Every structure is written in structure tokens, then in C-alpha cells.
Amino acid sequence: EVQLVESGGGLVQPGGSLRLSCAASGFTINYYGMSWVRQAPGKELEWVSRIAPYSGVTTYADSVKGRFTISRDNNKNTLYLQLNNLKIDDTGMYYCQRDSRGDRGQGTQVTVSS
């Protein structure tokens, strides 16, 4: 059974940092393109970042480039998203997903507020 379990969200002030984790089971994340997506209240789902299978090449939405870093630990079969210099507009539910199959976890809430 495929499972993706996100964690690490929370309430943080503007300029703060968080590290999101996504523990995967039922498949090997290194074999698949994996992304982080987010959804702000009242808005559509927005793609944030992707890490390619095998090569680990990373890509980012312009809105987060230079502030967020996607990575994975193949030994732990876990995907990460480091969020730095957070802005109020980064508030939302963050999900990891297996791109080719559309699998997605339950999400972890990130709230940026002063």
C-alpha cells in the first residue's frame, strides 16, 4: 500500500523557517519524480518544487526560488522541503506527491503570521 505522511508544519513568523518531511512507504522515492504542492485558503493547488528521479535535479516555482530547498534521503525513503525566509503568502496546506501516479499525502499546515 502506498502511503505518504507529511509532517513538520506549524505557525511561524515572517522570516522564519520550517522543515517539512514526507515519509513514503509502499514504493521507493528515488525511482519517481516527487513534488511538493500547496493550497492556500480559497485558492487552487499550486506546484512548489520537484526533485527528479535518480539524478535528483531540482526545480522550483518562481515564488519560492532561493528560499525553499527540496531534498530526499533515499535511506529513509523520505522527502524534505526546507522553507526559509517565510512570507505570509506561503501560508497553506503543503502536500507531497508522487508525480506519475498522483499519490498525495494528507498534508501539513504551514501558517506564517506575525
N, C-alpha and C. Protein backbone atom coordinates (compact mmCIF):
# COMPACT_ATOMS: atom_id res chain seq x y z
N GLU A 1 0.85 -1.19 0.00
CA GLU A 1 0.00 0.00 0.00
C GLU A 1 0.88 1.25 0.00
N VAL A 2 0.58 2.17 -0.91
CA VAL A 2 1.33 3.41 -0.99
C VAL A 2 0.83 4.37 0.09
N GLN A 3 1.79 4.93 0.83
CA GLN A 3 1.45 5.95 1.84
C GLN A 3 2.46 7.07 1.79
N LEU A 4 1.95 8.28 1.94
CA LEU A 4 2.78 9.48 2.07
C LEU A 4 2.29 10.22 3.31
N VAL A 5 3.20 10.45 4.25
CA VAL A 5 2.81 11.08 5.50
C VAL A 5 3.68 12.32 5.71
N GLU A 6 3.04 13.49 5.61
CA GLU A 6 3.74 14.76 5.79
C GLU A 6 3.75 15.17 7.26
N SER A 7 4.78 15.90 7.62
CA SER A 7 4.89 16.45 8.97
C SER A 7 5.81 17.65 8.95
N GLY A 8 5.83 18.38 10.06
CA GLY A 8 6.77 19.48 10.20
C GLY A 8 6.18 20.87 10.06
N GLY A 9 4.92 20.94 9.71
CA GLY A 9 4.28 22.25 9.59
C GLY A 9 4.09 22.91 10.94
N GLY A 10 3.64 24.15 10.90
CA GLY A 10 3.41 24.87 12.15
C GLY A 10 3.17 26.34 11.91
N LEU A 11 3.15 27.08 13.01
CA LEU A 11 2.96 28.52 12.97
C LEU A 11 4.33 29.19 13.12
N VAL A 12 4.63 30.09 12.21
CA VAL A 12 5.94 30.75 12.24
C VAL A 12 5.77 32.21 11.84
N GLN A 13 6.63 33.05 12.33
CA GLN A 13 6.59 34.46 11.97
C GLN A 13 7.24 34.70 10.61
N PRO A 14 6.87 35.76 9.94
CA PRO A 14 7.54 36.09 8.67
C PRO A 14 9.05 36.16 8.87
N GLY A 15 9.76 35.58 7.91
CA GLY A 15 11.22 35.48 8.02
C GLY A 15 11.71 34.22 8.67
N GLY A 16 10.80 33.45 9.24
CA GLY A 16 11.17 32.23 9.92
C GLY A 16 11.38 31.06 8.98
N SER A 17 11.67 29.91 9.58
CA SER A 17 11.98 28.71 8.81
C SER A 17 11.22 27.51 9.34
N LEU A 18 10.99 26.57 8.47
CA LEU A 18 10.41 25.27 8.82
C LEU A 18 11.05 24.21 7.93
N ARG A 19 11.03 22.98 8.39
CA ARG A 19 11.45 21.86 7.57
C ARG A 19 10.33 20.84 7.52
N LEU A 20 9.79 20.64 6.34
CA LEU A 20 8.73 19.66 6.15
C LEU A 20 9.32 18.31 5.76
N SER A 21 8.70 17.26 6.24
CA SER A 21 9.12 15.90 5.89
C SER A 21 7.95 15.15 5.28
N CYS A 22 8.26 14.20 4.44
CA CYS A 22 7.25 13.33 3.83
C CYS A 22 7.80 11.92 3.83
N ALA A 23 7.31 11.11 4.74
CA ALA A 23 7.74 9.72 4.82
C ALA A 23 6.92 8.87 3.87
N ALA A 24 7.61 8.18 2.97
CA ALA A 24 6.94 7.37 1.96
C ALA A 24 7.07 5.89 2.29
N SER A 25 6.04 5.14 1.95
CA SER A 25 6.08 3.69 2.08
C SER A 25 5.30 3.07 0.93
N GLY A 26 5.64 1.84 0.60
CA GLY A 26 4.97 1.15 -0.49
C GLY A 26 5.63 1.36 -1.85
N PHE A 27 6.61 2.22 -1.91
CA PHE A 27 7.38 2.44 -3.13
C PHE A 27 8.68 3.14 -2.76
N THR A 28 9.61 3.22 -3.71
CA THR A 28 10.92 3.82 -3.48
C THR A 28 10.96 5.20 -4.12
N ILE A 29 11.13 6.24 -3.31
CA ILE A 29 11.00 7.60 -3.84
C ILE A 29 12.08 7.92 -4.87
N ASN A 30 13.22 7.28 -4.78
CA ASN A 30 14.30 7.57 -5.72
C ASN A 30 13.92 7.19 -7.15
N TYR A 31 12.94 6.33 -7.31
CA TYR A 31 12.55 5.85 -8.64
C TYR A 31 11.51 6.75 -9.31
N TYR A 32 11.03 7.75 -8.57
CA TYR A 32 9.93 8.57 -9.06
C TYR A 32 10.24 10.06 -8.92
N GLY A 33 9.68 10.87 -9.82
CA GLY A 33 9.67 12.30 -9.61
C GLY A 33 8.73 12.60 -8.45
N MET A 34 9.21 13.41 -7.53
CA MET A 34 8.42 13.75 -6.34
C MET A 34 8.30 15.27 -6.25
N SER A 35 7.14 15.73 -5.88
CA SER A 35 6.90 17.17 -5.78
C SER A 35 6.29 17.54 -4.45
N TRP A 36 6.44 18.81 -4.14
CA TRP A 36 5.67 19.45 -3.09
C TRP A 36 4.69 20.41 -3.77
N VAL A 37 3.45 20.37 -3.32
CA VAL A 37 2.44 21.29 -3.79
C VAL A 37 1.78 21.90 -2.56
N ARG A 38 1.13 23.03 -2.75
CA ARG A 38 0.47 23.67 -1.62
C ARG A 38 -0.86 24.28 -2.05
N GLN A 39 -1.71 24.47 -1.07
CA GLN A 39 -3.00 25.09 -1.33
C GLN A 39 -3.31 26.11 -0.24
N ALA A 40 -3.40 27.35 -0.66
CA ALA A 40 -3.77 28.42 0.28
C ALA A 40 -5.28 28.46 0.41
N PRO A 41 -5.78 28.99 1.49
CA PRO A 41 -7.24 29.07 1.69
C PRO A 41 -7.91 29.79 0.53
N GLY A 42 -8.90 29.15 -0.06
CA GLY A 42 -9.65 29.77 -1.14
C GLY A 42 -8.96 29.81 -2.48
N LYS A 43 -7.79 29.18 -2.57
CA LYS A 43 -7.03 29.20 -3.82
C LYS A 43 -6.83 27.79 -4.36
N GLU A 44 -6.41 27.73 -5.61
CA GLU A 44 -6.17 26.43 -6.25
C GLU A 44 -4.83 25.85 -5.79
N LEU A 45 -4.70 24.58 -6.05
CA LEU A 45 -3.45 23.89 -5.74
C LEU A 45 -2.32 24.50 -6.56
N GLU A 46 -1.17 24.72 -5.92
CA GLU A 46 -0.03 25.35 -6.57
C GLU A 46 1.18 24.44 -6.44
N TRP A 47 1.83 24.16 -7.56
CA TRP A 47 3.07 23.39 -7.53
C TRP A 47 4.19 24.25 -6.94
N VAL A 48 5.01 23.66 -6.09
CA VAL A 48 6.06 24.39 -5.39
C VAL A 48 7.44 23.97 -5.86
N SER A 49 7.70 22.65 -5.87
CA SER A 49 9.04 22.19 -6.17
C SER A 49 9.00 20.73 -6.57
N ARG A 50 10.00 20.30 -7.32
CA ARG A 50 10.09 18.92 -7.77
C ARG A 50 11.54 18.47 -7.72
N ILE A 51 11.69 17.18 -7.41
CA ILE A 51 13.00 16.54 -7.50
C ILE A 51 12.89 15.35 -8.44
N ALA A 52 13.79 15.29 -9.41
CA ALA A 52 13.72 14.25 -10.44
C ALA A 52 14.19 12.91 -9.89
N PRO A 53 13.69 11.84 -10.48
CA PRO A 53 14.18 10.52 -10.07
C PRO A 53 15.64 10.33 -10.46
N TYR A 54 16.35 9.53 -9.70
CA TYR A 54 17.74 9.19 -9.94
C TYR A 54 18.68 10.39 -9.90
N SER A 55 18.57 11.32 -10.86
CA SER A 55 19.52 12.44 -10.93
C SER A 55 19.39 13.39 -9.76
N GLY A 56 18.17 13.53 -9.24
CA GLY A 56 17.95 14.47 -8.15
C GLY A 56 17.92 15.91 -8.58
N VAL A 57 17.78 16.15 -9.89
CA VAL A 57 17.71 17.53 -10.36
C VAL A 57 16.46 18.18 -9.77
N THR A 58 16.62 19.40 -9.29
CA THR A 58 15.53 20.09 -8.60
C THR A 58 15.03 21.29 -9.40
N THR A 59 13.75 21.55 -9.29
CA THR A 59 13.14 22.72 -9.91
C THR A 59 12.19 23.37 -8.91
N TYR A 60 11.98 24.66 -9.09
CA TYR A 60 11.18 25.44 -8.14
C TYR A 60 10.27 26.42 -8.85
N ALA A 61 9.14 26.68 -8.21
CA ALA A 61 8.29 27.78 -8.67
C ALA A 61 9.03 29.09 -8.41
N ASP A 62 8.80 30.07 -9.26
CA ASP A 62 9.47 31.36 -9.11
C ASP A 62 9.20 31.98 -7.74
N SER A 63 8.01 31.72 -7.21
CA SER A 63 7.61 32.34 -5.95
C SER A 63 8.42 31.85 -4.76
N VAL A 64 9.10 30.70 -4.89
CA VAL A 64 9.84 30.15 -3.76
C VAL A 64 11.33 29.98 -4.06
N LYS A 65 11.72 30.25 -5.29
CA LYS A 65 13.12 30.05 -5.69
C LYS A 65 14.04 30.88 -4.81
N GLY A 66 15.10 30.24 -4.33
CA GLY A 66 16.05 30.92 -3.46
C GLY A 66 15.68 30.89 -1.99
N ARG A 67 14.46 30.45 -1.68
CA ARG A 67 14.02 30.38 -0.29
C ARG A 67 13.74 28.95 0.16
N PHE A 68 13.25 28.12 -0.73
CA PHE A 68 12.90 26.73 -0.40
C PHE A 68 13.92 25.79 -1.03
N THR A 69 14.14 24.66 -0.37
CA THR A 69 15.03 23.64 -0.90
C THR A 69 14.40 22.27 -0.74
N ILE A 70 14.26 21.56 -1.85
CA ILE A 70 13.73 20.20 -1.82
C ILE A 70 14.90 19.22 -1.78
N SER A 71 14.72 18.14 -1.06
CA SER A 71 15.76 17.12 -0.99
C SER A 71 15.12 15.79 -0.62
N ARG A 72 15.89 14.74 -0.69
CA ARG A 72 15.39 13.43 -0.26
C ARG A 72 16.52 12.64 0.38
N ASP A 73 16.12 11.74 1.27
CA ASP A 73 17.04 10.80 1.90
C ASP A 73 16.61 9.42 1.44
N ASN A 74 17.35 8.85 0.52
CA ASN A 74 16.95 7.56 -0.04
C ASN A 74 16.99 6.45 1.01
N ASN A 75 17.90 6.55 1.97
CA ASN A 75 17.98 5.52 3.02
C ASN A 75 16.73 5.53 3.89
N LYS A 76 16.19 6.72 4.13
CA LYS A 76 14.99 6.84 4.95
C LYS A 76 13.72 6.85 4.10
N ASN A 77 13.88 6.87 2.77
CA ASN A 77 12.74 6.94 1.86
C ASN A 77 11.84 8.13 2.22
N THR A 78 12.48 9.25 2.46
CA THR A 78 11.79 10.44 2.93
C THR A 78 12.16 11.65 2.08
N LEU A 79 11.14 12.45 1.78
CA LEU A 79 11.28 13.68 1.02
C LEU A 79 11.22 14.85 2.00
N TYR A 80 11.98 15.90 1.70
CA TYR A 80 12.01 17.06 2.58
C TYR A 80 11.76 18.34 1.79
N LEU A 81 11.31 19.36 2.51
CA LEU A 81 11.25 20.70 1.95
C LEU A 81 11.68 21.67 3.05
N GLN A 82 12.82 22.31 2.84
CA GLN A 82 13.29 23.32 3.77
C GLN A 82 12.71 24.66 3.33
N LEU A 83 12.03 25.31 4.24
CA LEU A 83 11.38 26.59 3.95
C LEU A 83 12.09 27.68 4.76
N ASN A 84 12.74 28.59 4.08
CA ASN A 84 13.43 29.70 4.74
C ASN A 84 12.82 31.02 4.32
N ASN A 85 13.07 32.04 5.14
CA ASN A 85 12.57 33.38 4.84
C ASN A 85 11.09 33.35 4.46
N LEU A 86 10.32 32.72 5.31
CA LEU A 86 8.90 32.53 5.00
C LEU A 86 8.14 33.85 4.95
N LYS A 87 7.17 33.88 4.05
CA LYS A 87 6.32 35.05 3.86
C LYS A 87 4.88 34.68 4.17
N ILE A 88 4.07 35.69 4.43
CA ILE A 88 2.66 35.44 4.74
C ILE A 88 1.98 34.68 3.61
N ASP A 89 2.37 34.98 2.37
CA ASP A 89 1.78 34.31 1.21
C ASP A 89 2.16 32.83 1.11
N ASP A 90 3.09 32.38 1.92
CA ASP A 90 3.45 30.96 1.93
C ASP A 90 2.48 30.13 2.77
N THR A 91 1.57 30.77 3.44
CA THR A 91 0.59 30.06 4.27
C THR A 91 -0.25 29.12 3.41
N GLY A 92 -0.43 27.91 3.90
CA GLY A 92 -1.27 26.95 3.20
C GLY A 92 -1.02 25.53 3.67
N MET A 93 -1.75 24.63 3.08
CA MET A 93 -1.55 23.21 3.35
C MET A 93 -0.55 22.69 2.33
N TYR A 94 0.49 22.04 2.82
CA TYR A 94 1.55 21.53 1.97
C TYR A 94 1.43 20.01 1.84
N TYR A 95 1.50 19.54 0.60
CA TYR A 95 1.38 18.12 0.31
C TYR A 95 2.59 17.64 -0.48
N CYS A 96 3.03 16.43 -0.21
CA CYS A 96 3.99 15.81 -1.11
C CYS A 96 3.22 14.89 -2.04
N GLN A 97 3.75 14.69 -3.22
CA GLN A 97 3.07 13.82 -4.17
C GLN A 97 4.05 13.06 -5.04
N ARG A 98 3.62 11.86 -5.43
CA ARG A 98 4.34 11.08 -6.42
C ARG A 98 3.76 11.49 -7.76
N ASP A 99 4.58 12.13 -8.58
CA ASP A 99 4.04 12.82 -9.74
C ASP A 99 3.37 11.89 -10.75
N SER A 100 3.98 10.79 -11.08
CA SER A 100 3.46 9.96 -12.17
C SER A 100 2.15 9.27 -11.80
N ARG A 101 1.89 9.09 -10.53
CA ARG A 101 0.69 8.37 -10.10
C ARG A 101 -0.34 9.28 -9.42
N GLY A 102 0.08 10.48 -9.11
CA GLY A 102 -0.85 11.39 -8.44
C GLY A 102 -1.11 11.10 -6.99
N ASP A 103 -0.31 10.20 -6.40
CA ASP A 103 -0.50 9.92 -4.97
C ASP A 103 -0.11 11.15 -4.16
N ARG A 104 -0.88 11.40 -3.11
CA ARG A 104 -0.65 12.58 -2.29
C ARG A 104 -0.96 12.26 -0.84
N GLY A 105 -0.23 12.87 0.07
CA GLY A 105 -0.48 12.64 1.49
C GLY A 105 -1.62 13.49 2.02
N GLN A 106 -1.77 13.49 3.35
CA GLN A 106 -2.87 14.23 3.96
C GLN A 106 -2.53 15.70 4.17
N GLY A 107 -1.25 16.03 4.03
CA GLY A 107 -0.83 17.41 4.12
C GLY A 107 -0.38 17.82 5.51
N THR A 108 0.37 18.92 5.54
CA THR A 108 0.79 19.53 6.80
C THR A 108 0.60 21.04 6.66
N GLN A 109 0.03 21.65 7.67
CA GLN A 109 -0.34 23.06 7.60
C GLN A 109 0.84 23.96 7.95
N VAL A 110 1.08 24.94 7.09
CA VAL A 110 2.08 25.98 7.35
C VAL A 110 1.33 27.30 7.46
N THR A 111 1.52 27.98 8.59
CA THR A 111 0.89 29.27 8.79
C THR A 111 1.98 30.29 9.12
N VAL A 112 2.04 31.32 8.29
CA VAL A 112 3.02 32.38 8.50
C VAL A 112 2.26 33.64 8.92
N SER A 113 2.51 34.07 10.14
CA SER A 113 1.76 35.20 10.67
C SER A 113 2.57 35.90 11.75
N SER A 114 2.39 37.19 11.82
CA SER A 114 3.06 37.96 12.88
C SER A 114 2.12 38.13 14.08
